[in-house]
Amino acid sequence: MMTKLKRSANRRCHRSLWASWLRKRALSRVLTSPSLASDTGTPSGMARIAEDSDFEALKQLVDDHEGWTLELSKSDTQVYTRPVAGCNFNMVKIHTEFADVTADILFDVLHDPDYRKVWDSHMLASEEIGILNVNNDVGYYAMSCPPPLKPRDFVLQRSWLDTGPLGEQMLLSRSVPHKLYPPKKGYVRAMSYITGFVLRTNENSKTGCILKYVAHCDPQGTLPPWLVNKVTHTLGPRMVKDLKKAALGYIGWKQTQPHLRKPWRFPEEISGPRISIEDCLDTVVVPVPRMLPQTPTTQPTANGKVTTGQVVRSPKVMTPTTPQNIPSTIASSSSNVNGKKEEKKERKFFERKAKADTKLNASNTNGCSSPNMSNKKEEKKVKKESKDDSSVKEKNKVDGGLKKRRSLLSLKF
């Protein structure tokens, strides 16, 4: 009898260990999935069609609370955070319940680009770049930030899955590059490693739903991570409140529109252009020294196409320097710069002297003045011009210093 009890206890222990191992493995897969956030805090750098396993990993991420810290619990809303290895910005997760909003309506609100212009007060611009297939698209989104912060913009790939009225609706997005939408002036290109929504019908209420949201973003710029981590979990309830208010008014707004199309539900209503994954390849920028000429070249890519406008290095081969000869190379480069400055000064001096000689010869031929007097006048003139040049150089130095100090006032946030 005792042996049977020991065997059953051992089985239960093995089962619990096996279950915990499976949870850890699923969570590690979530953090290392190409379409989700990685534990190093870096995206894959390329668009990829989301698979069923990616949505399963998303569900595992929002349901499993192991390693998460409960930051806020207010009525039907809970906010969790957790650190991510290799990244200074925490991941945030929100659980909430909507008693009078169905999952279908909330799914339409999150998708409808026309209605987002109505309820999203932070949106500055939104453009549909194109579709990869009927369940994956790429778009541009720009949002305002409180001053003195600069506005942020994103290029996002969205993937969604609807398992039916009694199932779940899921939406997954992350940052990807696009060749036609590089970072532009006036905006800071932010990075979204993962933004996911899981909508489920509330079993206790036929008219309600459960919303589970997870996000891991890097606003870029010079924002301190501790400030972003402190503000992130406080902004969650505001986002939930705005989303609920928008969902309550969606049906009335949609009926006033000239069209009732929903391309995210009915693929035949898709009107956006079809794009290729090759348009969302990550371009690697090679740092080019300023002293080398930057010339646009044409280089064939892997698919045989030719890309233009890329800056490449000069064909001159640079010999590597060892730690022993680094000081000598620095000394030689500084001596070359000083030598060039001296040559420039000498060249200007000889040019002025040549001009003075020509004027002197012309005056001698015309007989207008004596040679001695003209030589003295020319020497005085040359000295005066050299003094003027030195004053101009000093003025340029002062102006340059003022420009540098002014540039410090316009820091990038």
Protein backbone atom coordinates (compact mmCIF):
# COMPACT_ATOMS: atom_id res chain seq x y z
CA MET A 1 0.00 0.00 0.00
CA MET A 2 2.81 2.37 0.89
CA THR A 3 4.60 1.61 -2.34
CA LYS A 4 1.46 2.48 -4.34
CA LEU A 5 1.15 5.79 -2.51
CA LYS A 6 4.80 6.57 -3.16
CA ARG A 7 4.41 5.74 -6.85
CA SER A 8 1.37 7.99 -7.20
CA ALA A 9 3.17 10.82 -5.38
CA ASN A 10 6.17 10.41 -7.66
CA ARG A 11 3.90 10.50 -10.71
CA ARG A 12 2.25 13.72 -9.52
CA CYS A 13 5.67 15.24 -8.86
CA HIS A 14 6.90 14.25 -12.33
CA ARG A 15 3.75 15.65 -13.91
CA SER A 16 4.16 19.00 -12.15
CA LEU A 17 7.83 19.18 -13.15
CA TRP A 18 6.91 18.29 -16.72
CA ALA A 19 4.19 20.95 -16.80
CA SER A 20 6.54 23.64 -15.44
CA TRP A 21 9.18 22.66 -18.00
CA LEU A 22 6.62 22.95 -20.80
CA ARG A 23 5.57 26.41 -19.58
CA LYS A 24 9.17 27.61 -19.49
CA ARG A 25 9.84 26.19 -22.93
CA ALA A 26 6.74 27.87 -24.37
CA LEU A 27 7.68 31.19 -22.78
CA SER A 28 11.23 30.99 -24.11
CA ARG A 29 9.83 30.23 -27.54
CA VAL A 30 7.63 33.33 -27.27
CA LEU A 31 10.61 35.51 -26.52
CA THR A 32 12.74 34.01 -29.31
CA SER A 33 10.07 33.70 -31.99
CA PRO A 34 10.94 35.65 -35.17
CA SER A 35 7.57 37.40 -35.17
CA LEU A 36 7.57 38.20 -31.45
CA ALA A 37 10.02 39.91 -29.13
CA SER A 38 13.38 38.32 -28.55
CA ASP A 39 15.25 38.12 -25.29
CA THR A 40 17.96 40.32 -26.76
CA GLY A 41 15.50 43.10 -27.49
CA THR A 42 16.17 43.12 -31.23
CA PRO A 43 13.65 42.47 -33.99
CA SER A 44 14.22 40.07 -36.83
CA GLY A 45 14.52 42.99 -39.28
CA MET A 46 12.30 41.41 -41.91
CA ALA A 47 8.59 40.86 -42.46
CA ARG A 48 7.36 37.29 -42.12
CA ILE A 49 3.92 35.73 -42.53
CA ALA A 50 2.60 34.81 -39.08
CA GLU A 51 1.82 31.15 -38.47
CA ASP A 52 -0.53 29.35 -36.08
CA SER A 53 2.39 28.65 -33.76
CA ASP A 54 2.99 32.40 -33.41
CA PHE A 55 -0.58 32.97 -32.21
CA GLU A 56 -0.27 30.02 -29.84
CA ALA A 57 2.87 31.61 -28.42
CA LEU A 58 0.98 34.91 -28.04
CA LYS A 59 -1.77 33.18 -26.04
CA GLN A 60 0.83 31.53 -23.84
CA LEU A 61 2.43 34.91 -23.23
CA VAL A 62 -0.77 36.65 -22.12
CA ASP A 63 -2.05 33.72 -20.01
CA ASP A 64 1.12 32.75 -18.13
CA HIS A 65 1.95 35.06 -15.17
CA GLU A 66 5.22 33.41 -14.20
CA GLY A 67 7.95 36.04 -13.97
CA TRP A 68 5.47 38.94 -14.14
CA THR A 69 4.93 41.59 -11.44
CA LEU A 70 1.44 42.92 -10.69
CA GLU A 71 1.78 46.71 -10.80
CA LEU A 72 -1.88 47.76 -10.67
CA SER A 73 -5.20 46.09 -9.86
CA LYS A 74 -8.24 48.34 -10.24
CA SER A 75 -11.82 47.02 -10.61
CA ASP A 76 -11.68 44.71 -13.64
CA THR A 77 -8.23 45.80 -14.90
CA GLN A 78 -4.84 44.34 -13.96
CA VAL A 79 -1.50 45.63 -15.22
CA TYR A 80 1.63 43.45 -15.17
CA THR A 81 5.26 44.15 -16.10
CA ARG A 82 8.35 42.02 -16.54
CA PRO A 83 11.96 42.72 -17.53
CA VAL A 84 13.43 41.38 -20.77
CA ALA A 85 17.03 40.20 -20.89
CA GLY A 86 19.24 42.43 -23.02
CA CYS A 87 16.77 45.35 -23.07
CA ASN A 88 16.29 48.24 -20.63
CA PHE A 89 12.57 48.60 -21.34
CA ASN A 90 10.06 46.34 -19.60
CA MET A 91 7.28 44.37 -21.22
CA VAL A 92 3.75 45.32 -20.13
CA LYS A 93 0.59 43.20 -20.02
CA ILE A 94 -3.03 44.23 -19.35
CA HIS A 95 -6.06 42.09 -18.48
CA THR A 96 -9.52 43.73 -18.49
CA GLU A 97 -13.20 42.90 -18.96
CA PHE A 98 -15.80 44.80 -20.98
CA ALA A 99 -19.30 44.01 -19.74
CA ASP A 100 -21.21 45.66 -22.61
CA VAL A 101 -18.84 45.28 -25.57
CA THR A 102 -18.59 42.10 -27.63
CA ALA A 103 -15.34 40.68 -28.94
CA ASP A 104 -16.48 41.17 -32.57
CA ILE A 105 -17.04 44.90 -32.08
CA LEU A 106 -13.72 45.34 -30.31
CA PHE A 107 -11.96 43.43 -33.09
CA ASP A 108 -13.50 45.80 -35.67
CA VAL A 109 -12.49 48.89 -33.67
CA LEU A 110 -8.86 47.77 -33.53
CA HIS A 111 -8.84 47.18 -37.30
CA ASP A 112 -10.89 50.03 -38.80
CA PRO A 113 -8.42 52.70 -40.03
CA ASP A 114 -11.16 55.29 -40.69
CA TYR A 115 -12.57 55.02 -37.17
CA ARG A 116 -9.12 55.26 -35.59
CA LYS A 117 -8.89 58.84 -36.85
CA VAL A 118 -11.99 59.59 -34.74
CA TRP A 119 -11.08 58.09 -31.38
CA ASP A 120 -7.25 58.05 -31.35
CA SER A 121 -6.32 61.56 -30.17
CA HIS A 122 -2.56 60.83 -30.34
CA MET A 123 -2.50 59.80 -34.02
CA LEU A 124 -0.82 62.26 -36.39
CA ALA A 125 -0.77 60.13 -39.56
CA SER A 126 -1.77 56.66 -40.69
CA GLU A 127 -1.15 55.11 -44.10
CA GLU A 128 -1.75 51.67 -45.51
CA ILE A 129 1.44 50.65 -47.31
CA GLY A 130 0.09 47.37 -48.69
CA ILE A 131 -0.93 43.80 -47.98
CA LEU A 132 1.17 40.66 -47.88
CA ASN A 133 -1.87 38.37 -47.93
CA VAL A 134 -5.46 38.44 -46.64
CA ASN A 135 -4.31 38.20 -43.00
CA ASN A 136 -1.08 40.27 -43.07
CA ASP A 137 -0.54 43.90 -44.00
CA VAL A 138 2.07 46.64 -43.51
CA GLY A 139 1.24 50.21 -42.48
CA TYR A 140 2.73 53.49 -41.28
CA TYR A 141 1.64 55.13 -38.02
CA ALA A 142 2.78 58.41 -36.43
CA MET A 143 1.79 59.61 -32.97
CA SER A 144 2.28 62.77 -30.94
CA CYS A 145 4.19 62.94 -27.67
CA PRO A 146 3.97 65.52 -24.88
CA PRO A 147 6.44 68.40 -25.32
CA PRO A 148 9.39 68.73 -25.40
CA LEU A 149 9.47 65.19 -26.85
CA LYS A 150 9.48 64.72 -30.59
CA PRO A 151 6.67 62.71 -32.22
CA ARG A 152 7.28 59.01 -32.84
CA ASP A 153 6.46 56.98 -35.94
CA PHE A 154 6.35 53.27 -36.74
CA VAL A 155 6.30 50.96 -39.73
CA LEU A 156 4.31 47.93 -38.57
CA GLN A 157 3.36 44.56 -39.91
CA ARG A 158 -0.03 43.38 -38.61
CA SER A 159 -1.21 39.78 -38.52
CA TRP A 160 -4.62 38.66 -37.34
CA LEU A 161 -6.59 35.46 -36.81
CA ASP A 162 -10.31 34.96 -36.13
CA THR A 163 -11.31 31.50 -34.91
CA GLY A 164 -15.07 32.12 -35.00
CA PRO A 165 -17.81 33.77 -32.88
CA LEU A 166 -17.33 31.33 -30.00
CA GLY A 167 -13.56 31.29 -30.22
CA GLU A 168 -10.87 33.96 -30.09
CA GLN A 169 -9.81 36.95 -32.13
CA MET A 170 -6.10 37.75 -32.09
CA LEU A 171 -4.10 40.62 -33.53
CA LEU A 172 -0.30 40.70 -33.58
CA SER A 173 1.98 43.51 -34.83
CA ARG A 174 5.68 44.41 -34.78
CA SER A 175 8.07 46.84 -36.43
CA VAL A 176 9.52 46.05 -39.86
CA PRO A 177 11.52 48.19 -42.30
CA HIS A 178 10.22 49.29 -45.69
CA LYS A 179 12.22 50.71 -48.57
CA LEU A 180 9.69 53.52 -49.27
CA TYR A 181 9.32 54.61 -45.64
CA PRO A 182 12.76 55.36 -44.16
CA PRO A 183 13.12 57.50 -41.00
CA LYS A 184 12.22 61.10 -41.82
CA LYS A 185 13.03 64.49 -40.38
CA GLY A 186 10.95 65.69 -37.46
CA TYR A 187 10.08 62.19 -36.21
CA VAL A 188 11.89 59.62 -34.11
CA ARG A 189 11.54 56.11 -35.56
CA ALA A 190 10.39 54.00 -32.60
CA MET A 191 10.56 50.21 -32.40
CA SER A 192 7.75 47.84 -31.48
CA TYR A 193 9.09 44.37 -30.67
CA ILE A 194 5.59 43.02 -30.04
CA THR A 195 2.06 44.38 -29.67
CA GLY A 196 -0.62 41.73 -29.26
CA PHE A 197 -4.36 41.58 -28.52
CA VAL A 198 -6.30 38.47 -27.53
CA LEU A 199 -10.12 38.88 -27.42
CA ARG A 200 -12.32 36.22 -25.86
CA THR A 201 -16.05 35.99 -25.28
CA ASN A 202 -16.97 36.23 -21.62
CA GLU A 203 -18.72 33.00 -20.63
CA ASN A 204 -20.57 34.75 -17.79
CA SER A 205 -21.92 37.50 -20.03
CA LYS A 206 -23.16 37.03 -23.59
CA THR A 207 -22.67 40.74 -24.38
CA GLY A 208 -19.21 41.08 -22.80
CA CYS A 209 -15.65 40.11 -23.64
CA ILE A 210 -12.24 39.71 -22.08
CA LEU A 211 -9.30 41.72 -23.47
CA LYS A 212 -5.69 40.64 -22.95
CA TYR A 213 -3.01 42.96 -24.25
CA VAL A 214 0.80 42.70 -24.27
CA ALA A 215 3.38 45.14 -25.61
CA HIS A 216 7.14 45.62 -25.65
CA CYS A 217 8.34 48.83 -27.30
CA ASP A 218 11.45 50.98 -27.45
CA PRO A 219 10.63 54.69 -28.01
CA GLN A 220 14.24 55.37 -29.11
CA GLY A 221 15.72 58.83 -28.68
CA THR A 222 17.24 59.92 -25.36
CA LEU A 223 14.40 58.97 -23.03
CA PRO A 224 15.68 57.35 -19.83
CA PRO A 225 14.47 53.75 -19.47
CA TRP A 226 13.46 54.20 -15.82
CA LEU A 227 11.05 56.97 -16.81
CA VAL A 228 9.53 54.92 -19.63
CA ASN A 229 9.11 51.89 -17.35
CA LYS A 230 7.45 54.06 -14.70
CA VAL A 231 4.98 55.67 -17.10
CA THR A 232 4.15 52.56 -19.14
CA HIS A 233 2.01 50.76 -16.57
CA THR A 234 0.18 53.97 -15.63
CA LEU A 235 -0.85 54.66 -19.24
CA GLY A 236 -2.43 51.21 -19.59
CA PRO A 237 -5.72 52.03 -17.83
CA ARG A 238 -6.08 55.19 -19.94
CA MET A 239 -5.71 53.18 -23.12
CA VAL A 240 -8.32 50.69 -21.89
CA LYS A 241 -10.73 53.51 -21.03
CA ASP A 242 -10.34 55.16 -24.47
CA LEU A 243 -10.74 51.81 -26.23
CA LYS A 244 -13.94 51.00 -24.35
CA LYS A 245 -15.44 54.40 -25.13
CA ALA A 246 -14.57 53.97 -28.80
CA ALA A 247 -16.13 50.49 -28.90
CA LEU A 248 -19.41 51.75 -27.42
CA GLY A 249 -19.78 54.34 -30.19
CA TYR A 250 -18.56 52.24 -33.12
CA ILE A 251 -21.89 50.85 -34.37
CA GLY A 252 -23.55 54.28 -34.46
CA TRP A 253 -20.55 55.80 -36.28
CA LYS A 254 -20.33 52.98 -38.82
CA GLN A 255 -23.97 53.36 -39.84
CA THR A 256 -23.35 57.00 -40.78
CA GLN A 257 -20.54 56.11 -43.19
CA PRO A 258 -21.13 55.85 -46.96
CA HIS A 259 -19.59 52.38 -47.01
CA LEU A 260 -19.77 49.51 -44.54
CA ARG A 261 -16.80 47.58 -45.82
CA LYS A 262 -14.64 45.47 -43.50
CA PRO A 263 -11.72 44.05 -45.51
CA TRP A 264 -10.25 42.38 -42.41
CA ARG A 265 -13.35 40.16 -42.36
CA PHE A 266 -14.19 40.02 -46.06
CA PRO A 267 -11.06 39.67 -48.25
CA GLU A 268 -12.99 40.53 -51.44
CA GLU A 269 -13.25 44.12 -50.14
CA ILE A 270 -9.46 44.61 -49.96
CA SER A 271 -8.42 47.66 -52.00
CA GLY A 272 -4.82 48.13 -50.90
CA PRO A 273 -1.84 47.33 -53.16
CA ARG A 274 -0.09 43.99 -52.95
CA ILE A 275 3.50 44.22 -51.72
CA SER A 276 6.32 41.72 -51.48
CA ILE A 277 8.28 40.63 -48.42
CA GLU A 278 11.42 41.68 -50.32
CA ASP A 279 10.24 45.30 -49.94
CA CYS A 280 10.62 44.92 -46.16
CA LEU A 281 14.23 43.75 -46.04
CA ASP A 282 16.46 45.28 -43.41
CA THR A 283 19.06 47.57 -45.04
CA VAL A 284 22.46 47.54 -43.33
CA VAL A 285 24.08 50.98 -43.30
CA VAL A 286 27.88 50.85 -43.67
CA PRO A 287 29.61 53.77 -41.88
CA VAL A 288 31.66 55.75 -44.39
CA PRO A 289 34.45 58.15 -43.29
CA ARG A 290 33.74 61.77 -44.21
CA MET A 291 37.12 62.20 -45.92
CA LEU A 292 36.33 59.47 -48.46
CA PRO A 293 34.15 60.32 -51.49
CA GLN A 294 30.59 58.96 -51.27
CA THR A 295 29.41 57.85 -54.68
CA PRO A 296 26.09 56.16 -55.50
CA THR A 297 26.56 52.76 -57.06
CA THR A 298 24.39 50.02 -58.48
CA GLN A 299 24.65 46.62 -56.87
CA PRO A 300 22.66 43.46 -57.66
CA THR A 301 20.67 41.91 -54.82
CA ALA A 302 20.09 38.22 -54.13
CA ASN A 303 17.05 38.09 -56.44
CA GLY A 304 18.90 39.64 -59.38
CA LYS A 305 17.40 43.12 -59.02
CA VAL A 306 19.59 46.20 -59.04
CA THR A 307 19.40 48.74 -56.23
CA THR A 308 20.74 52.26 -56.69
CA GLY A 309 21.72 55.04 -54.36
CA GLN A 310 23.64 53.00 -51.80
CA VAL A 311 26.77 54.62 -50.41
CA VAL A 312 29.83 52.40 -50.53
CA ARG A 313 33.43 52.74 -49.50
CA SER A 314 36.15 54.02 -51.77
CA PRO A 315 37.99 51.25 -53.64
CA LYS A 316 41.21 52.30 -51.93
CA VAL A 317 42.40 49.52 -49.62
CA MET A 318 43.15 50.64 -46.09
CA THR A 319 45.88 48.74 -44.27
CA PRO A 320 44.94 47.67 -40.73
CA THR A 321 46.79 49.35 -37.90
CA THR A 322 48.11 47.49 -34.89
CA PRO A 323 48.14 48.91 -31.36
CA GLN A 324 51.88 49.56 -31.70
CA ASN A 325 51.65 51.89 -34.69
CA ILE A 326 48.44 53.71 -33.79
CA PRO A 327 50.27 56.75 -32.23
CA SER A 328 52.47 57.07 -35.31
CA THR A 329 49.47 57.08 -37.63
CA ILE A 330 47.78 59.74 -35.53
CA ALA A 331 50.94 61.88 -35.58
CA SER A 332 51.33 61.47 -39.33
CA SER A 333 47.70 62.41 -39.97
CA SER A 334 47.99 65.53 -37.77
CA SER A 335 51.24 66.52 -39.51
CA ASN A 336 49.55 66.11 -42.90
CA VAL A 337 46.73 68.41 -41.82
CA ASN A 338 49.17 71.02 -40.52
CA GLY A 339 51.22 70.75 -43.70
CA LYS A 340 48.15 71.37 -45.82
CA LYS A 341 47.32 74.49 -43.80
CA GLU A 342 50.83 75.84 -44.26
CA GLU A 343 50.72 75.14 -48.00
CA LYS A 344 47.42 76.96 -48.24
CA LYS A 345 48.83 80.03 -46.46
CA GLU A 346 51.92 80.06 -48.67
CA ARG A 347 49.84 79.73 -51.82
CA LYS A 348 47.67 82.70 -50.84
CA PHE A 349 50.77 84.76 -50.03
CA PHE A 350 52.38 84.08 -53.42
CA GLU A 351 49.12 84.85 -55.21
CA ARG A 352 48.93 88.24 -53.53
CA LYS A 353 52.60 88.87 -54.31
CA ALA A 354 52.07 88.00 -57.96
CA LYS A 355 49.16 90.42 -58.17
CA ALA A 356 51.29 93.14 -56.59
CA ASP A 357 54.13 92.51 -59.07
CA THR A 358 51.78 92.76 -62.03
CA LYS A 359 50.40 96.06 -60.77
CA LEU A 360 53.93 97.33 -60.18
CA ASN A 361 55.00 96.43 -63.72
CA ALA A 362 51.94 98.12 -65.15
CA SER A 363 52.64 101.33 -63.20
CA ASN A 364 56.31 101.32 -64.30
CA THR A 365 55.41 101.00 -67.95
CA ASN A 366 52.92 103.86 -67.72
CA GLY A 367 55.38 106.00 -65.72
CA CYS A 368 52.78 107.06 -63.19
CA SER A 369 54.82 106.56 -60.01
CA SER A 370 58.35 105.73 -58.86
CA PRO A 371 59.44 102.12 -58.14
CA ASN A 372 60.32 102.72 -54.51
CA MET A 373 57.04 104.37 -53.58
CA SER A 374 55.00 101.70 -55.36
CA ASN A 375 56.88 98.89 -53.58
CA LYS A 376 56.15 100.42 -50.18
CA LYS A 377 52.47 100.87 -51.00
CA GLU A 378 52.13 97.31 -52.21
CA GLU A 379 53.83 95.93 -49.10
CA LYS A 380 51.44 97.89 -46.88
CA LYS A 381 48.49 96.63 -48.89
CA VAL A 382 49.64 93.00 -48.59
CA LYS A 383 50.05 93.35 -44.80
CA LYS A 384 46.59 94.90 -44.50
CA GLU A 385 45.01 92.07 -46.49
CA SER A 386 46.73 89.46 -44.33
CA LYS A 387 45.37 91.17 -41.19
CA ASP A 388 41.88 91.20 -42.68
CA ASP A 389 42.13 87.47 -43.40
CA SER A 390 43.16 86.74 -39.82
CA SER A 391 40.21 88.78 -38.48
CA VAL A 392 37.84 86.91 -40.76
CA LYS A 393 39.23 83.59 -39.51
CA GLU A 394 38.74 84.65 -35.88
CA LYS A 395 35.18 85.71 -36.66
CA ASN A 396 34.46 82.35 -38.32
CA LYS A 397 35.81 80.53 -35.25
CA VAL A 398 33.48 82.54 -32.97
CA ASP A 399 30.49 81.91 -35.25
CA GLY A 400 31.30 78.19 -35.36
CA GLY A 401 31.42 78.04 -31.55
CA LEU A 402 28.04 79.80 -31.33
CA LYS A 403 26.54 77.33 -33.80
CA LYS A 404 27.82 74.38 -31.76
CA ARG A 405 26.38 75.85 -28.55
CA ARG A 406 23.04 76.50 -30.26
CA SER A 407 22.92 72.95 -31.58
CA LEU A 408 23.07 71.65 -28.01
CA LEU A 409 19.69 73.30 -27.35
CA SER A 410 17.98 71.17 -30.01
CA LEU A 411 18.72 67.74 -28.58
CA LYS A 412 16.90 64.70 -30.00
CA PHE A 413 14.43 63.26 -27.48
